[in-house]
Amino acid sequence: MALIASSEQRILTTLAHISAHTFVEATQKLAVVTRRAEASSGYLSSAELLLLKSALRDMTAIGT
């Protein structure tokens, strides 16, 4: 189980480092974070927080 959790964290971190170029891509990042937050009673891991910040940064860049 620890291997799966570690792999999930690496995937989320990698996704957070990829810039979204469209609003749809940024929204998909937010959807991943939202689903994971709902599954864990609202608590986010450090990788999930990194993904959230990345999505918000991308949305800001797309909007300007």
Protein backbone atom coordinates (compact mmCIF):
# COMPACT_ATOMS: atom_id res chain seq x y z
CA MET A 1 0.00 0.00 0.00
CA ALA A 2 2.89 2.36 0.74
CA LEU A 3 4.17 1.83 -2.79
CA ILE A 4 0.83 2.92 -4.25
CA ALA A 5 0.72 6.03 -2.06
CA SER A 6 4.28 6.90 -3.03
CA SER A 7 3.48 6.47 -6.72
CA GLU A 8 0.38 8.65 -6.41
CA GLN A 9 2.43 11.40 -4.76
CA ARG A 10 5.00 11.27 -7.57
CA ILE A 11 2.27 11.46 -10.22
CA LEU A 12 0.64 14.46 -8.52
CA THR A 13 3.99 16.22 -8.17
CA THR A 14 4.80 15.60 -11.83
CA LEU A 15 1.39 16.87 -12.89
CA ALA A 16 1.92 19.98 -10.78
CA HIS A 17 5.13 20.77 -12.67
CA ILE A 18 3.44 20.60 -16.08
CA SER A 19 1.98 23.94 -17.11
CA ALA A 20 -1.57 23.98 -18.38
CA HIS A 21 -1.93 25.88 -21.63
CA THR A 22 -5.72 26.04 -21.74
CA PHE A 23 -8.50 26.67 -19.28
CA VAL A 24 -9.65 23.06 -19.75
CA GLU A 25 -6.26 21.66 -18.73
CA ALA A 26 -6.17 23.88 -15.63
CA THR A 27 -9.71 22.84 -14.77
CA GLN A 28 -8.70 19.19 -15.01
CA LYS A 29 -5.98 19.81 -12.43
CA LEU A 30 -8.54 21.39 -10.13
CA ALA A 31 -10.88 18.43 -10.66
CA VAL A 32 -8.16 16.01 -9.52
CA VAL A 33 -7.54 18.02 -6.36
CA THR A 34 -11.28 18.35 -5.66
CA ARG A 35 -11.91 14.61 -6.03
CA ARG A 36 -8.98 13.78 -3.77
CA ALA A 37 -10.09 16.32 -1.15
CA GLU A 38 -13.58 14.86 -1.12
CA ALA A 39 -12.16 11.37 -0.72
CA SER A 40 -10.01 12.41 2.23
CA SER A 41 -12.53 14.57 4.12
CA GLY A 42 -11.00 17.78 2.83
CA TYR A 43 -7.40 17.24 3.92
CA LEU A 44 -4.76 17.57 1.20
CA SER A 45 -1.27 16.11 1.10
CA SER A 46 1.71 18.29 0.23
CA ALA A 47 1.65 16.97 -3.36
CA GLU A 48 -2.06 17.79 -3.66
CA LEU A 49 -1.43 21.31 -2.34
CA LEU A 50 1.36 21.70 -4.88
CA LEU A 51 -1.06 20.63 -7.63
CA LEU A 52 -3.68 23.10 -6.39
CA LYS A 53 -1.18 25.96 -6.41
CA SER A 54 -0.05 24.92 -9.89
CA ALA A 55 -3.61 24.92 -11.21
CA LEU A 56 -4.31 28.35 -9.74
CA ARG A 57 -1.04 29.70 -11.16
CA ASP A 58 -1.93 28.28 -14.58
CA MET A 59 -5.42 29.82 -14.48
CA THR A 60 -3.94 33.18 -13.60
CA ALA A 61 -1.44 32.95 -16.47
CA ILE A 62 -4.14 31.89 -18.93
CA GLY A 63 -6.38 34.74 -17.83
CA THR A 64 -3.78 37.44 -18.49
